[in-house]
Amino acid sequence: MSRAPFHTVVCDMLGIRYPILQGAMQGGGGPALVAAVSEAGGLGILPTFGGTEVRLRQDIAEARRLTDKPVAVNITPMGRAFTESRAAICIELGIPIVTTGRADPGEAAVRSMKDAGITVLAVIPTVAHAQRMAAEGVDAVIASGSEAGGHVGGIGTMALVPQVVDAVDIPVLATGGIGDARGFFAALALGAVGVQVGTRFMATPESDLNVWGKTRLLEMAETDTIVTRAMTGAPVRCIATPEIEAYERARAVGAPAAELQLLQRAVRGGRNADDKNLRRQSAAGQIAGMIHELRPVAALIEEMIAGAQQLAGELDPRA
């Protein structure tokens, strides 16, 4: 079989057709979405943040029921016990690929997974973090710009990716602000060998994001996200809601800790409502303003590849 367009080293590394990864997303990226991305030639990635060990096992089983293509797991380091328990499940169940995010999971966890034959990719927000993860033995890094949804750093994708490419000798993928063919093509021009896409995949029929979240994505402008510590204690880019905006206004004027705690409870109450359809919090990136309709995963991926081919042709002076 001939190689697919934009075949890169990461396609061989991960056993995928296109160098497109789906960012792990709690509350939006369940097994149906993960399987759909893998079936369409990319790599679907299950989240562990906010979930139990039992839930992770169930999600892995369900994703594998829906596809025989590679499926990955993201481990968000939330302390040694959490990281090592999720790594152990990935090893036990033969997960071929693991991504890590938010913070350095520790060389011991990386080494245990590598020794088990797992390919490990680390999501990183700075050059120094990329260098540290490369030294710890990861196979590739995913440079995450501040435009991304979820836990973020402070450097934009356009500035971060080429600096990481120049700083490490392992493959670099790009994420943050990528949601169509233009972003995909631009990431390759910056030296990345692939991309990770999150927010755009939430606006699909296969995503389990609730009605509130999908409705908001379709009506948002690029200014309708906010970075806050109210969600998890670390900086998270998410959909701006009245609860988050109230917390951030109070924090900016130096409100007392007791007041901030009450406002934070309101934020987390919206995120953790018992009725899924009443939950009013979701991570989202700045590309939300580009989303105007729900599109099936396979259509999005094919449009991304075809659009990038067209862009390449338009820029080719021989064409």
Protein backbone atom coordinates (compact mmCIF):
# COMPACT_ATOMS: atom_id res chain seq x y z
CA MET A 1 0.00 0.00 0.00
CA SER A 2 1.33 3.45 -0.92
CA ARG A 3 2.10 5.90 1.84
CA ALA A 4 -0.59 8.36 2.85
CA PRO A 5 -0.01 12.08 2.29
CA PHE A 6 2.14 13.76 4.94
CA HIS A 7 3.56 10.46 6.17
CA THR A 8 6.16 11.29 8.83
CA VAL A 9 8.35 9.42 11.27
CA VAL A 10 5.59 9.56 13.89
CA CYS A 11 3.30 7.52 11.62
CA ASP A 12 5.79 4.67 11.70
CA MET A 13 6.46 5.15 15.41
CA LEU A 14 2.78 4.91 16.36
CA GLY A 15 1.44 2.69 13.59
CA ILE A 16 -1.00 5.29 12.27
CA ARG A 17 -1.94 6.50 8.78
CA TYR A 18 -1.91 10.25 9.41
CA PRO A 19 0.24 12.24 11.88
CA ILE A 20 -2.82 13.47 13.76
CA LEU A 21 -3.36 12.74 17.46
CA GLN A 22 -6.51 13.47 19.44
CA GLY A 23 -5.81 15.27 22.67
CA ALA A 24 -7.03 13.47 25.79
CA MET A 25 -10.13 15.22 27.11
CA GLN A 26 -12.08 14.32 30.23
CA GLY A 27 -15.76 15.00 29.64
CA GLY A 28 -15.40 15.18 25.88
CA GLY A 29 -13.10 12.43 24.69
CA GLY A 30 -14.65 9.11 25.66
CA PRO A 31 -14.16 5.73 23.98
CA ALA A 32 -16.45 6.53 21.02
CA LEU A 33 -14.39 9.56 20.02
CA VAL A 34 -11.09 7.81 20.68
CA ALA A 35 -12.07 4.85 18.51
CA ALA A 36 -13.39 7.12 15.74
CA VAL A 37 -10.08 9.02 15.54
CA SER A 38 -8.08 5.79 15.39
CA GLU A 39 -10.45 4.31 12.80
CA ALA A 40 -10.01 7.42 10.64
CA GLY A 41 -6.23 7.02 10.58
CA GLY A 42 -5.17 9.17 13.53
CA LEU A 43 -4.48 8.20 17.14
CA GLY A 44 -7.27 8.34 19.72
CA ILE A 45 -6.14 8.95 23.29
CA LEU A 46 -8.14 8.15 26.43
CA PRO A 47 -7.91 10.48 29.46
CA THR A 48 -7.17 9.45 33.04
CA PHE A 49 -7.67 12.82 34.73
CA GLY A 50 -10.74 12.75 36.93
CA GLY A 51 -11.33 9.04 36.46
CA THR A 52 -10.95 5.91 38.56
CA GLU A 53 -8.89 2.82 37.82
CA VAL A 54 -12.12 0.91 37.16
CA ARG A 55 -13.28 3.55 34.70
CA LEU A 56 -9.96 3.44 32.84
CA ARG A 57 -10.21 -0.32 32.43
CA GLN A 58 -13.78 0.02 31.17
CA ASP A 59 -12.84 2.77 28.72
CA ILE A 60 -9.95 0.76 27.32
CA ALA A 61 -12.18 -2.26 26.82
CA GLU A 62 -14.88 -0.19 25.12
CA ALA A 63 -12.44 1.60 22.79
CA ARG A 64 -10.94 -1.73 21.79
CA ARG A 65 -14.40 -3.11 21.12
CA LEU A 66 -15.00 -0.24 18.70
CA THR A 67 -11.68 -0.39 16.83
CA ASP A 68 -8.77 -2.72 16.24
CA LYS A 69 -6.48 0.23 15.47
CA PRO A 70 -3.96 1.54 18.04
CA VAL A 71 -5.49 3.30 21.06
CA ALA A 72 -3.42 5.34 23.53
CA VAL A 73 -3.85 6.53 27.12
CA ASN A 74 -2.86 9.89 28.60
CA ILE A 75 -1.54 9.90 32.16
CA THR A 76 -1.86 13.26 33.89
CA PRO A 77 0.66 13.20 36.75
CA MET A 78 -1.32 13.88 39.92
CA GLY A 79 1.07 12.41 42.42
CA ARG A 80 3.23 9.32 42.43
CA ALA A 81 0.47 6.88 43.41
CA PHE A 82 -1.87 8.05 40.64
CA THR A 83 0.85 8.02 37.97
CA GLU A 84 2.23 4.61 38.89
CA SER A 85 -1.20 2.98 39.19
CA ARG A 86 -2.27 4.20 35.74
CA ALA A 87 1.08 3.22 34.24
CA ALA A 88 0.66 -0.26 35.75
CA ILE A 89 -2.77 -0.63 34.13
CA CYS A 90 -1.35 0.41 30.75
CA ILE A 91 1.42 -2.16 31.13
CA GLU A 92 -0.96 -4.90 32.27
CA LEU A 93 -3.44 -4.31 29.45
CA GLY A 94 -0.82 -3.94 26.73
CA ILE A 95 -1.50 -0.31 25.82
CA PRO A 96 1.02 0.42 23.04
CA ILE A 97 1.26 4.20 23.44
CA VAL A 98 1.05 6.55 26.44
CA THR A 99 1.15 10.33 26.49
CA THR A 100 1.91 12.30 29.63
CA GLY A 101 0.86 15.82 30.45
CA ARG A 102 0.71 18.69 32.93
CA ALA A 103 3.96 17.82 34.70
CA ASP A 104 6.95 15.50 34.56
CA PRO A 105 5.72 12.01 35.53
CA GLY A 106 9.15 11.02 36.79
CA GLU A 107 11.86 8.96 35.19
CA ALA A 108 10.82 5.80 37.06
CA ALA A 109 7.34 5.83 35.53
CA VAL A 110 8.70 6.57 32.07
CA ARG A 111 11.27 3.81 32.37
CA SER A 112 8.76 1.22 33.59
CA MET A 113 6.55 1.87 30.58
CA LYS A 114 9.47 1.92 28.16
CA ASP A 115 10.75 -1.37 29.60
CA ALA A 116 7.30 -2.85 28.90
CA GLY A 117 7.55 -1.81 25.25
CA ILE A 118 5.24 1.21 25.49
CA THR A 119 5.97 4.22 23.29
CA VAL A 120 5.89 7.33 25.49
CA LEU A 121 5.19 10.87 24.30
CA ALA A 122 5.31 13.79 26.74
CA VAL A 123 3.22 16.93 26.40
CA ILE A 124 5.47 19.86 27.32
CA PRO A 125 5.01 23.65 27.64
CA THR A 126 8.66 24.84 27.53
CA VAL A 127 12.01 24.06 25.94
CA ALA A 128 13.51 23.14 29.32
CA HIS A 129 10.72 20.66 29.98
CA ALA A 130 11.23 19.12 26.54
CA GLN A 131 14.93 18.68 27.22
CA ARG A 132 14.26 17.07 30.61
CA MET A 133 11.74 14.62 29.15
CA ALA A 134 14.10 13.74 26.30
CA ALA A 135 16.81 13.00 28.89
CA GLU A 136 14.38 10.75 30.75
CA GLY A 137 13.91 8.66 27.63
CA VAL A 138 10.56 9.57 26.07
CA ASP A 139 10.20 8.76 22.38
CA ALA A 140 8.77 12.13 21.32
CA VAL A 141 7.42 15.35 22.79
CA ILE A 142 4.23 17.28 22.05
CA ALA A 143 4.94 21.00 22.28
CA SER A 144 1.80 22.56 23.73
CA GLY A 145 1.19 26.24 23.08
CA SER A 146 -0.83 28.48 25.36
CA GLU A 147 -3.71 28.57 22.84
CA ALA A 148 -4.61 24.99 23.77
CA GLY A 149 -7.51 23.94 25.95
CA GLY A 150 -6.83 22.26 29.28
CA HIS A 151 -3.64 22.64 31.30
CA VAL A 152 -1.44 25.21 29.58
CA GLY A 153 1.85 27.01 29.82
CA GLY A 154 2.58 30.58 28.79
CA ILE A 155 4.29 30.27 25.38
CA GLY A 156 2.34 30.36 22.13
CA THR A 157 2.56 27.50 19.63
CA MET A 158 4.19 29.56 16.87
CA ALA A 159 7.09 30.52 19.15
CA LEU A 160 7.35 27.27 21.11
CA VAL A 161 7.42 24.59 18.41
CA PRO A 162 10.51 25.67 16.41
CA GLN A 163 12.48 26.29 19.59
CA VAL A 164 11.68 22.80 20.86
CA VAL A 165 12.53 21.31 17.46
CA ASP A 166 15.95 22.99 17.65
CA ALA A 167 16.54 21.90 21.26
CA VAL A 168 15.90 18.13 21.20
CA ASP A 169 16.92 15.21 19.00
CA ILE A 170 13.60 13.35 19.19
CA PRO A 171 10.45 13.94 17.12
CA VAL A 172 8.32 16.95 18.05
CA LEU A 173 4.57 17.27 17.52
CA ALA A 174 2.60 20.49 17.91
CA THR A 175 -0.61 21.26 19.76
CA GLY A 176 -2.48 24.42 20.66
CA GLY A 177 -4.46 26.48 18.18
CA ILE A 178 -4.68 23.71 15.57
CA GLY A 179 -8.11 22.82 14.24
CA ASP A 180 -7.99 22.69 10.45
CA ALA A 181 -5.73 22.14 7.43
CA ARG A 182 -4.06 25.52 7.82
CA GLY A 183 -2.96 24.80 11.37
CA PHE A 184 -1.81 21.29 10.44
CA PHE A 185 0.24 22.57 7.51
CA ALA A 186 1.71 25.41 9.56
CA ALA A 187 2.82 23.00 12.28
CA LEU A 188 4.75 20.94 9.73
CA ALA A 189 6.36 24.13 8.41
CA LEU A 190 7.54 24.89 11.96
CA GLY A 191 9.38 21.56 12.03
CA ALA A 192 6.80 19.38 13.78
CA VAL A 193 6.24 15.84 12.52
CA GLY A 194 2.57 15.83 13.46
CA VAL A 195 -0.14 17.54 15.46
CA GLN A 196 -2.41 16.93 18.40
CA VAL A 197 -5.96 18.28 18.09
CA GLY A 198 -8.34 18.62 21.02
CA THR A 199 -11.07 21.24 20.89
CA ARG A 200 -12.08 20.62 17.28
CA PHE A 201 -12.71 16.95 17.99
CA MET A 202 -15.08 17.86 20.83
CA ALA A 203 -17.46 19.39 18.27
CA THR A 204 -18.24 16.04 16.67
CA PRO A 205 -21.10 13.56 16.94
CA GLU A 206 -18.68 11.04 18.42
CA SER A 207 -17.64 13.27 21.34
CA ASP A 208 -19.41 12.75 24.66
CA LEU A 209 -19.26 16.45 25.50
CA ASN A 210 -22.69 17.42 26.82
CA VAL A 211 -25.29 19.56 25.04
CA TRP A 212 -24.24 22.69 26.95
CA GLY A 213 -20.62 22.28 25.85
CA LYS A 214 -21.34 21.56 22.20
CA THR A 215 -23.80 24.44 22.00
CA ARG A 216 -21.24 26.83 23.51
CA LEU A 217 -18.51 25.69 21.10
CA LEU A 218 -20.71 26.53 18.11
CA GLU A 219 -21.45 30.05 19.34
CA MET A 220 -18.08 31.06 20.81
CA ALA A 221 -15.69 33.76 19.62
CA GLU A 222 -11.92 33.45 19.95
CA THR A 223 -12.10 35.65 23.06
CA ASP A 224 -14.52 33.37 24.93
CA THR A 225 -11.95 31.19 26.70
CA ILE A 226 -10.16 32.02 29.92
CA VAL A 227 -7.13 30.68 31.79
CA THR A 228 -7.91 29.98 35.43
CA ARG A 229 -6.62 28.07 38.43
CA ALA A 230 -10.14 27.65 39.77
CA MET A 231 -10.67 24.32 37.99
CA THR A 232 -7.74 22.22 39.24
CA GLY A 233 -5.29 24.51 41.01
CA ALA A 234 -3.07 24.68 37.90
CA PRO A 235 -3.62 27.00 34.89
CA VAL A 236 -6.40 25.61 32.69
CA ARG A 237 -7.79 27.21 29.54
CA CYS A 238 -11.52 26.62 29.45
CA ILE A 239 -14.82 28.09 28.32
CA ALA A 240 -15.41 31.36 30.17
CA THR A 241 -18.46 31.12 32.42
CA PRO A 242 -19.92 33.65 34.89
CA GLU A 243 -18.60 31.53 37.77
CA ILE A 244 -15.02 31.50 36.47
CA GLU A 245 -15.10 35.18 35.56
CA ALA A 246 -16.32 36.04 39.07
CA TYR A 247 -13.47 34.02 40.59
CA GLU A 248 -10.85 35.68 38.38
CA ARG A 249 -12.18 39.20 39.08
CA ALA A 250 -11.98 38.53 42.82
CA ARG A 251 -8.50 37.04 42.56
CA ALA A 252 -7.28 40.04 40.54
CA VAL A 253 -8.26 42.50 43.26
CA GLY A 254 -6.77 40.41 46.07
CA ALA A 255 -9.96 39.02 47.58
CA PRO A 256 -9.49 37.12 50.88
CA ALA A 257 -8.92 33.37 50.74
CA ALA A 258 -12.34 32.55 52.21
CA GLU A 259 -14.10 34.46 49.43
CA LEU A 260 -11.98 32.80 46.74
CA GLN A 261 -12.77 29.38 48.19
CA LEU A 262 -16.49 30.03 47.94
CA LEU A 263 -16.16 31.22 44.36
CA GLN A 264 -13.99 28.23 43.50
CA ARG A 265 -16.65 25.90 44.92
CA ALA A 266 -19.16 27.45 42.53
CA VAL A 267 -16.81 26.80 39.61
CA ARG A 268 -16.20 23.20 40.56
CA GLY A 269 -19.88 22.68 41.32
CA GLY A 270 -20.63 23.53 37.71
CA ARG A 271 -17.98 21.09 36.56
CA ASN A 272 -19.09 18.24 38.80
CA ALA A 273 -22.90 18.42 38.60
CA ASP A 274 -24.48 14.99 39.05
CA ASP A 275 -26.58 15.43 35.91
CA LYS A 276 -24.09 15.44 33.02
CA ASN A 277 -26.32 17.67 30.95
CA LEU A 278 -26.23 20.34 33.66
CA ARG A 279 -22.44 20.56 33.83
CA ARG A 280 -21.30 24.04 32.90
CA GLN A 281 -17.54 23.75 32.67
CA SER A 282 -15.33 22.46 29.90
CA ALA A 283 -11.77 22.92 28.76
CA ALA A 284 -11.52 24.52 25.32
CA GLY A 285 -8.84 26.19 23.20
CA GLN A 286 -8.84 29.50 21.38
CA ILE A 287 -9.74 27.80 18.08
CA ALA A 288 -13.29 27.49 19.43
CA GLY A 289 -14.10 30.62 17.44
CA MET A 290 -13.37 28.66 14.24
CA ILE A 291 -15.99 26.01 14.95
CA HIS A 292 -19.35 26.57 13.30
CA GLU A 293 -20.80 23.07 12.94
CA LEU A 294 -20.55 19.55 14.28
CA ARG A 295 -18.61 17.39 11.83
CA PRO A 296 -17.88 13.64 11.97
CA VAL A 297 -14.34 12.74 12.97
CA ALA A 298 -13.51 10.98 9.70
CA ALA A 299 -14.65 14.01 7.68
CA LEU A 300 -12.52 16.37 9.78
CA ILE A 301 -9.39 14.29 9.34
CA GLU A 302 -9.86 13.81 5.60
CA GLU A 303 -10.55 17.54 5.18
CA MET A 304 -7.41 18.37 7.14
CA ILE A 305 -5.25 16.18 4.94
CA ALA A 306 -6.89 17.23 1.66
CA GLY A 307 -6.76 20.90 2.61
CA ALA A 308 -3.08 20.66 3.51
CA GLN A 309 -2.38 19.01 0.16
CA GLN A 310 -4.11 21.90 -1.57
CA LEU A 311 -2.09 24.42 0.40
CA ALA A 312 1.13 22.62 -0.50
CA GLY A 313 0.17 22.73 -4.16
CA GLU A 314 -0.63 26.44 -4.03
CA LEU A 315 2.75 27.18 -2.46
CA ASP A 316 4.72 24.98 -4.87
CA PRO A 317 6.32 27.27 -7.50
CA ARG A 318 6.43 24.33 -9.93
CA ALA A 319 2.63 23.91 -9.81
